[in-house]
Each structure stands twice: as structure tokens, then as C-alpha cells.
Amino acid sequence: MALVTSTEMFKKAYDGGYAIGAFNVNNMEIVQGITEAAAELRSPIILQASAGARKYANSIYLTKLVEAAVELHPEVPMVLHLDHGADFETCKSCIDGGFTSVMIDYSGHSFEENIAESRKVAEYAHERGVVVEAELGTLAGIEDAVSVDADKAMFTNPDEVEEFVKRTGVDSLAIAIGTSHGAYKFKPGTDPKLRLDILEEVARRLPGFPIVLHGSSSVPQEYVKIINGHGGALKDAIGIPEEQLRLAAKGAVCKINIDSDLRLGMTAGIREHMQAHPDHFDPRQYLTDGRKYVKDIVAHKIVEVLGSDGKI
């Protein structure tokens, strides 16, 4: 099986009451951990590359790593997706470079500018068989090239979604309902809650249309404890409650983005290994342990959060 688009994936997910995991990739071990878990659990997946990942590894390396995963696991439907494309040129480069899905994130601009740029990307992508995600609303937090202060974050306005989708022709829509980028999503003592009422209203206005949640890492505390117990200093790292993400996945949300949790797993495995084996210097030794935690996290997400296991 070659790389696919998310069109059929999202239709099945919407009708089946589950979501597809969109896992960010940065290197070979992360690609391996994600795809091995997906293959064992028979789950479709989206592998996505951010601006930071493309700067670190180069789009060509990432594309070839994902193509290798497709060859090794041909039974697993895989999408290669651009996460947070900043403009038309960035999206065009990834479309021309073999990505099967791109996100144009012009949500920080005016409504009309967002429509114009998103429509431009959609027209170019659709002519080449590539699907497009856009965003309405603005998430707070920091992750790679995305940095938005909390006081500048903005919930999606349901009154705008129908016009936006109609005028842009995009294939899915990322909305802001309380998720946040990075590992420090909420202050200690707060009660993190998603605005599921906004999600329900958006779904009512866009029946059958795939909705996307960004910034949806849950920051599992067991990995935070491993990191901090082995020389780390992650203070007050708090994520999205998994039970709320599961509720969203049972509704209109067809794609849930997960990045920070994978970073935590990789870092936890490496720190744990290096403290237990201070004489080791072979990257294959400590990266193996990091990869295992990435795989464990992805498997947990697929079964307990996304509900996408056994959907191939």
C-alpha cells in the first residue's frame, strides 16, 4: 500500500465514533515506535511533520522514513501530513515533495485572509490529489514554530464555520475548544475542561464534516516522574484529560494531534537508560529504550483514547 489521504479514514472514523491519531515524527526511532504500535493494533495512522521537524531532519529524510514504514507495514493505511504550514509556499513545497495531506494555519490572520490563503492551498492541493486541513480559532501554548500567549488564544466561533468551509473548500477543520500546545497547558490546581459545547455546535452546523483537535497531548505523569527521577526538571507539566479526548473522538473529531507525549516518552527512556548504564555511549542502546516508551504511549492512545484499534 502506498501513502494515502485521510478522506476514507475520516469517513470511517466519523461514522464509527473514533478518531485517527496524528503523531508527530522527528527521527527514525519515533517513526518506528508509532508504526509498530499501529501495525500490532491494526490501526490507521497519520504521521505528521512540523516546521521544527522539517528544519531538524529535512523533509526528504522524513518522507523517506515514512515511505520505509509503509513498505514494512503495507497493511496499515498511513497519511504523511504537514502540521501547521505557515503559508502557501510551505504547503506547496510539501505537496510537491510527496505529502498526502497538508495543514494551512492562517488562523492568526483575519477571517478574510485566512479564507483566501486556505482556498489557495486547497485549490493547488486538490489538483494534485492532496487533502487540506485549515484552522479557525487560535490555540495557546508553545510547540516548535507555534507560540501563542494565553491571553491571545481564541475559541472557534461556530457562527463562522459554515462560511469558512464553503468558501475555502478545505477537507477538515481544526478548532479551538480549550486544547493547548506543549507540555505546560494548564496551571496547577486548575480543572482542565474542553468546550465540548462548542464542538457540538460546530458539528451541528457541519454535519459529517471531519473536525481536528490540536494540542491534545495528555502529559502522562508516569513519564514526567521518570524524567524528574532521573535528572530532569519538568515542573507543573499538565495536559488534556484523556477521558475528555475520548468523548470528542466519539463525536465529530476525526483527528487528534499528539506530539509532546511522544517527546516525554523518548526522553524518559533515554534518561532512565543513561542513569542505569552510565558506561553506555552507543545511541542504539539508549534510543532503543526511548523508542519502546514511544511505542507504549502510541498503543495506549490508540486503544484508550482514539478507539482506532482493529479498524483496518
Protein backbone atom coordinates (compact mmCIF):
# COMPACT_ATOMS: atom_id res chain seq x y z
CA MET A 1 0.00 0.00 0.00
CA ALA A 2 1.28 3.49 -0.84
CA LEU A 3 0.71 6.56 1.30
CA VAL A 4 -2.96 7.52 1.32
CA THR A 5 -5.02 10.62 2.03
CA SER A 6 -7.24 10.92 5.09
CA THR A 7 -10.52 11.08 3.14
CA GLU A 8 -11.61 7.47 3.61
CA MET A 9 -10.02 7.31 7.08
CA PHE A 10 -12.08 10.24 8.31
CA LYS A 11 -15.33 8.98 6.84
CA LYS A 12 -14.93 5.66 8.65
CA ALA A 13 -13.84 7.38 11.86
CA TYR A 14 -16.78 9.80 11.83
CA ASP A 15 -19.30 7.02 11.23
CA GLY A 16 -17.59 4.69 13.70
CA GLY A 17 -17.23 7.08 16.63
CA TYR A 18 -13.45 7.03 16.87
CA ALA A 19 -10.53 9.27 15.84
CA ILE A 20 -7.26 8.82 13.96
CA GLY A 21 -4.08 9.59 15.86
CA ALA A 22 -1.88 12.21 14.20
CA PHE A 23 1.54 11.61 15.70
CA ASN A 24 4.42 14.00 15.10
CA VAL A 25 7.64 12.48 13.77
CA ASN A 26 11.17 13.81 14.14
CA ASN A 27 13.51 10.84 13.65
CA MET A 28 13.67 7.15 12.75
CA GLU A 29 13.00 5.81 16.24
CA ILE A 30 9.80 7.81 16.63
CA VAL A 31 8.55 6.65 13.22
CA GLN A 32 9.34 3.06 14.20
CA GLY A 33 7.62 3.27 17.59
CA ILE A 34 4.45 4.76 16.11
CA THR A 35 4.13 2.42 13.16
CA GLU A 36 4.98 -0.74 15.07
CA ALA A 37 2.21 0.02 17.57
CA ALA A 38 -0.24 0.78 14.76
CA ALA A 39 0.61 -2.45 12.95
CA GLU A 40 0.19 -4.59 16.05
CA LEU A 41 -3.14 -2.96 16.92
CA ARG A 42 -4.35 -2.74 13.31
CA SER A 43 -4.95 0.98 13.46
CA PRO A 44 -4.76 3.55 10.65
CA ILE A 45 -2.44 6.47 11.49
CA ILE A 46 -1.33 9.90 10.40
CA LEU A 47 2.37 10.74 10.61
CA GLN A 48 2.88 14.49 10.64
CA ALA A 49 5.87 16.78 10.35
CA SER A 50 6.04 20.24 11.90
CA ALA A 51 8.23 23.15 10.87
CA GLY A 52 10.66 22.20 13.64
CA ALA A 53 10.84 18.60 12.46
CA ARG A 54 11.47 19.62 8.87
CA LYS A 55 14.19 22.03 9.96
CA TYR A 56 15.81 19.38 12.18
CA ALA A 57 15.58 16.32 9.93
CA ASN A 58 14.75 17.76 6.49
CA SER A 59 11.52 16.90 4.68
CA ILE A 60 13.29 14.45 2.38
CA TYR A 61 14.60 12.36 5.28
CA LEU A 62 11.18 12.37 6.96
CA THR A 63 9.40 11.42 3.74
CA LYS A 64 11.77 8.52 3.12
CA LEU A 65 11.44 7.29 6.71
CA VAL A 66 7.67 7.24 6.38
CA GLU A 67 7.90 5.52 2.99
CA ALA A 68 10.08 2.85 4.62
CA ALA A 69 7.40 2.36 7.30
CA VAL A 70 4.77 1.93 4.58
CA GLU A 71 6.92 -0.71 2.92
CA LEU A 72 7.43 -2.55 6.22
CA HIS A 73 3.76 -2.32 7.24
CA PRO A 74 1.78 -2.31 3.98
CA GLU A 75 -1.40 -3.33 5.79
CA VAL A 76 -1.50 -0.05 7.75
CA PRO A 77 -3.11 2.95 6.00
CA MET A 78 -0.71 5.86 6.59
CA VAL A 79 -1.01 9.56 5.79
CA LEU A 80 2.01 11.88 5.62
CA HIS A 81 0.75 15.26 6.84
CA LEU A 82 2.25 18.73 7.12
CA ASP A 83 1.49 20.13 10.57
CA HIS A 84 0.99 23.91 10.81
CA GLY A 85 2.00 25.01 7.34
CA ALA A 86 2.68 28.71 7.72
CA ASP A 87 1.79 29.80 4.19
CA PHE A 88 1.03 28.71 0.63
CA GLU A 89 4.69 28.24 -0.31
CA THR A 90 5.34 25.91 2.62
CA CYS A 91 2.29 23.83 1.76
CA LYS A 92 3.22 23.79 -1.94
CA SER A 93 6.71 22.53 -1.13
CA CYS A 94 5.32 19.61 0.90
CA ILE A 95 2.65 18.79 -1.68
CA ASP A 96 5.30 18.70 -4.40
CA GLY A 97 7.54 16.65 -2.08
CA GLY A 98 5.18 13.71 -1.58
CA PHE A 99 3.00 14.67 1.39
CA THR A 100 -0.57 13.40 1.00
CA SER A 101 -2.11 15.94 3.39
CA VAL A 102 -1.22 19.48 4.45
CA MET A 103 -2.42 21.94 7.04
CA ILE A 104 -2.52 25.62 6.22
CA ASP A 105 -2.54 27.51 9.52
CA TYR A 106 -3.52 31.10 8.81
CA SER A 107 -5.62 31.32 11.95
CA GLY A 108 -3.50 34.17 13.30
CA HIS A 109 -4.64 36.39 10.44
CA SER A 110 -8.01 37.98 9.75
CA PHE A 111 -11.00 35.87 8.78
CA GLU A 112 -10.84 37.02 5.15
CA GLU A 113 -7.08 36.49 4.92
CA ASN A 114 -7.49 33.01 6.41
CA ILE A 115 -10.13 32.19 3.80
CA ALA A 116 -8.04 33.49 0.91
CA GLU A 117 -4.85 31.62 1.84
CA SER A 118 -6.69 28.42 2.75
CA ARG A 119 -8.62 28.46 -0.53
CA LYS A 120 -5.39 28.99 -2.48
CA VAL A 121 -3.79 25.97 -0.79
CA ALA A 122 -6.91 23.83 -1.26
CA GLU A 123 -7.10 24.57 -4.97
CA TYR A 124 -3.45 23.69 -5.54
CA ALA A 125 -3.62 20.57 -3.35
CA HIS A 126 -6.84 19.17 -4.81
CA GLU A 127 -5.46 19.39 -8.33
CA ARG A 128 -2.73 17.03 -7.16
CA GLY A 129 -4.83 14.63 -5.11
CA VAL A 130 -3.78 16.02 -1.72
CA VAL A 131 -6.19 16.93 1.10
CA VAL A 132 -6.13 20.10 3.19
CA GLU A 133 -6.77 20.98 6.83
CA ALA A 134 -7.25 24.57 7.98
CA GLU A 135 -7.83 26.19 11.36
CA LEU A 136 -10.38 28.57 12.86
CA GLY A 137 -9.66 29.89 16.34
CA THR A 138 -6.26 30.11 17.98
CA LEU A 139 -4.68 27.70 20.47
CA ALA A 140 -2.41 28.90 23.25
CA GLY A 141 0.93 27.31 24.06
CA ILE A 142 4.35 26.68 22.57
CA GLU A 143 5.36 23.87 20.25
CA ASP A 144 8.06 24.22 17.57
CA ALA A 145 7.23 27.27 15.45
CA VAL A 146 3.83 27.76 17.10
CA SER A 147 3.83 30.20 20.02
CA VAL A 148 0.67 31.93 21.24
CA ASP A 149 0.26 33.70 24.58
CA ALA A 150 -2.72 32.53 26.63
CA ASP A 151 -4.37 35.97 26.52
CA LYS A 152 -4.29 35.87 22.70
CA ALA A 153 -5.88 32.43 22.36
CA MET A 154 -9.38 32.44 20.94
CA PHE A 155 -12.15 29.83 20.87
CA THR A 156 -13.59 28.95 17.49
CA ASN A 157 -16.76 30.87 16.70
CA PRO A 158 -19.37 28.36 15.46
CA ASP A 159 -21.07 31.16 13.53
CA GLU A 160 -18.08 31.28 11.15
CA VAL A 161 -17.50 27.63 10.36
CA GLU A 162 -20.06 27.11 7.59
CA GLU A 163 -18.93 30.12 5.60
CA PHE A 164 -15.28 29.24 6.10
CA VAL A 165 -15.60 25.65 4.89
CA LYS A 166 -17.82 26.60 1.95
CA ARG A 167 -15.56 29.39 0.72
CA THR A 168 -12.25 27.56 1.21
CA GLY A 169 -13.15 24.06 0.09
CA VAL A 170 -10.89 22.52 2.77
CA ASP A 171 -11.34 18.87 3.75
CA SER A 172 -11.10 19.14 7.55
CA LEU A 173 -11.15 21.89 10.15
CA ALA A 174 -9.06 22.33 13.28
CA ILE A 175 -10.99 24.15 16.00
CA ALA A 176 -10.03 25.70 19.32
CA ILE A 177 -12.08 24.36 22.25
CA GLY A 178 -9.54 24.51 25.08
CA THR A 179 -6.65 22.33 23.98
CA SER A 180 -3.17 23.87 24.03
CA HIS A 181 0.26 23.19 22.54
CA GLY A 182 3.18 21.91 24.59
CA ALA A 183 3.56 20.16 27.94
CA TYR A 184 2.56 23.11 30.11
CA LYS A 185 -1.07 23.52 29.10
CA PHE A 186 -2.63 24.49 32.41
CA LYS A 187 -1.66 26.00 35.75
CA PRO A 188 -1.51 23.70 38.79
CA GLY A 189 -4.81 23.50 40.66
CA THR A 190 -6.94 24.22 37.61
CA ASP A 191 -9.59 21.85 36.31
CA PRO A 192 -8.83 21.38 32.60
CA LYS A 193 -12.01 21.09 30.58
CA LEU A 194 -12.68 21.16 26.87
CA ARG A 195 -15.53 23.26 25.50
CA LEU A 196 -17.44 20.28 24.19
CA ASP A 197 -20.46 22.54 23.76
CA ILE A 198 -18.57 24.42 21.02
CA LEU A 199 -17.65 21.11 19.40
CA GLU A 200 -21.29 20.01 19.44
CA GLU A 201 -22.45 23.28 17.86
CA VAL A 202 -19.77 23.09 15.16
CA ALA A 203 -20.81 19.50 14.42
CA ARG A 204 -24.42 20.57 14.16
CA ARG A 205 -23.55 23.23 11.64
CA LEU A 206 -21.16 20.97 9.68
CA PRO A 207 -22.84 17.54 9.73
CA GLY A 208 -20.49 14.75 8.70
CA PHE A 209 -17.51 17.09 8.38
CA PRO A 210 -14.18 15.99 9.97
CA ILE A 211 -13.04 18.10 12.93
CA VAL A 212 -9.44 18.18 14.22
CA LEU A 213 -8.03 18.82 17.69
CA HIS A 214 -4.50 20.19 18.03
CA GLY A 215 -2.53 20.39 21.26
CA SER A 216 -4.06 17.18 22.60
CA SER A 217 -1.20 15.57 24.50
CA SER A 218 -2.21 14.43 27.97
CA VAL A 219 1.28 14.71 29.50
CA PRO A 220 1.18 11.31 31.28
CA GLN A 221 2.56 11.81 34.75
CA GLU A 222 4.32 8.45 34.90
CA TYR A 223 6.76 9.66 32.24
CA VAL A 224 7.15 13.06 33.88
CA LYS A 225 8.08 11.22 37.09
CA ILE A 226 10.63 9.06 35.27
CA ILE A 227 12.23 12.13 33.73
CA ASN A 228 12.32 14.05 37.01
CA GLY A 229 13.55 10.99 38.89
CA HIS A 230 16.50 10.67 36.53
CA GLY A 231 17.87 14.18 36.49
CA GLY A 232 15.07 16.08 34.74
CA ALA A 233 13.31 19.22 35.91
CA LEU A 234 9.83 19.29 34.42
CA LYS A 235 7.74 21.40 36.77
CA ASP A 236 3.97 21.67 36.56
CA ALA A 237 3.64 19.81 33.24
CA ILE A 238 -0.10 19.27 32.83
CA GLY A 239 -2.06 18.03 29.80
CA ILE A 240 -5.57 17.34 28.49
CA PRO A 241 -7.59 14.72 30.43
CA GLU A 242 -7.84 11.62 28.27
CA GLU A 243 -11.49 10.98 29.09
CA GLN A 244 -12.42 14.31 27.51
CA LEU A 245 -10.48 13.48 24.36
CA ARG A 246 -12.31 10.16 24.16
CA LEU A 247 -15.64 11.96 24.32
CA ALA A 248 -14.52 14.24 21.50
CA ALA A 249 -13.42 11.22 19.44
CA LYS A 250 -16.87 9.69 19.80
CA GLY A 251 -18.32 12.79 18.19
CA ALA A 252 -17.20 14.82 15.19
CA VAL A 253 -13.47 14.80 15.97
CA CYS A 254 -11.74 12.53 13.45
CA LYS A 255 -8.10 13.56 14.04
CA ILE A 256 -6.34 14.13 17.34
CA ASN A 257 -2.79 15.52 17.32
CA ILE A 258 -0.22 14.10 19.76
CA ASP A 259 3.37 15.31 19.97
CA SER A 260 4.51 16.28 23.47
CA ASP A 261 3.61 12.88 24.92
CA LEU A 262 5.96 11.19 22.44
CA ARG A 263 8.76 13.56 23.38
CA LEU A 264 8.19 12.75 27.04
CA GLY A 265 8.34 9.02 26.35
CA MET A 266 11.52 9.27 24.31
CA THR A 267 13.20 11.47 26.91
CA ALA A 268 12.09 9.25 29.80
CA GLY A 269 13.54 6.15 28.15
CA ILE A 270 16.85 7.83 27.41
CA ARG A 271 17.26 9.37 30.87
CA GLU A 272 16.33 6.14 32.59
CA HIS A 273 18.78 4.17 30.47
CA MET A 274 21.69 6.57 30.89
CA GLN A 275 21.35 6.66 34.67
CA ALA A 276 21.15 2.87 34.84
CA HIS A 277 24.06 2.44 32.42
CA PRO A 278 26.44 5.39 32.82
CA ASP A 279 29.08 3.48 30.85
CA HIS A 280 26.95 3.30 27.70
CA PHE A 281 27.68 5.63 24.80
CA ASP A 282 26.13 3.76 21.88
CA PRO A 283 23.00 5.63 20.70
CA ARG A 284 21.44 2.33 19.66
CA GLN A 285 21.33 1.29 23.30
CA TYR A 286 19.54 4.26 24.84
CA LEU A 287 17.42 5.10 21.78
CA THR A 288 16.03 1.57 21.90
CA ASP A 289 14.59 2.30 25.34
CA GLY A 290 13.24 5.65 24.21
CA ARG A 291 11.60 4.01 21.20
CA LYS A 292 9.91 1.44 23.43
CA TYR A 293 8.22 4.13 25.50
CA VAL A 294 7.08 5.91 22.33
CA LYS A 295 5.52 2.65 21.16
CA ASP A 296 3.86 2.09 24.53
CA ILE A 297 2.37 5.58 24.52
CA VAL A 298 1.03 5.24 20.98
CA ALA A 299 -0.51 1.85 21.78
CA HIS A 300 -2.22 3.33 24.84
CA LYS A 301 -3.57 6.26 22.83
CA ILE A 302 -4.90 4.02 20.07
CA VAL A 303 -6.82 1.76 22.47
CA GLU A 304 -7.83 4.04 25.35
CA VAL A 305 -8.21 7.47 23.75
CA LEU A 306 -8.72 7.19 20.00
CA GLY A 307 -10.60 3.89 19.81
CA SER A 308 -8.99 3.19 16.44
CA ASP A 309 -7.64 -0.28 17.21
CA GLY A 310 -8.86 -3.05 14.92
CA LYS A 311 -10.17 -0.57 12.36
CA ILE A 312 -8.07 -1.79 9.42
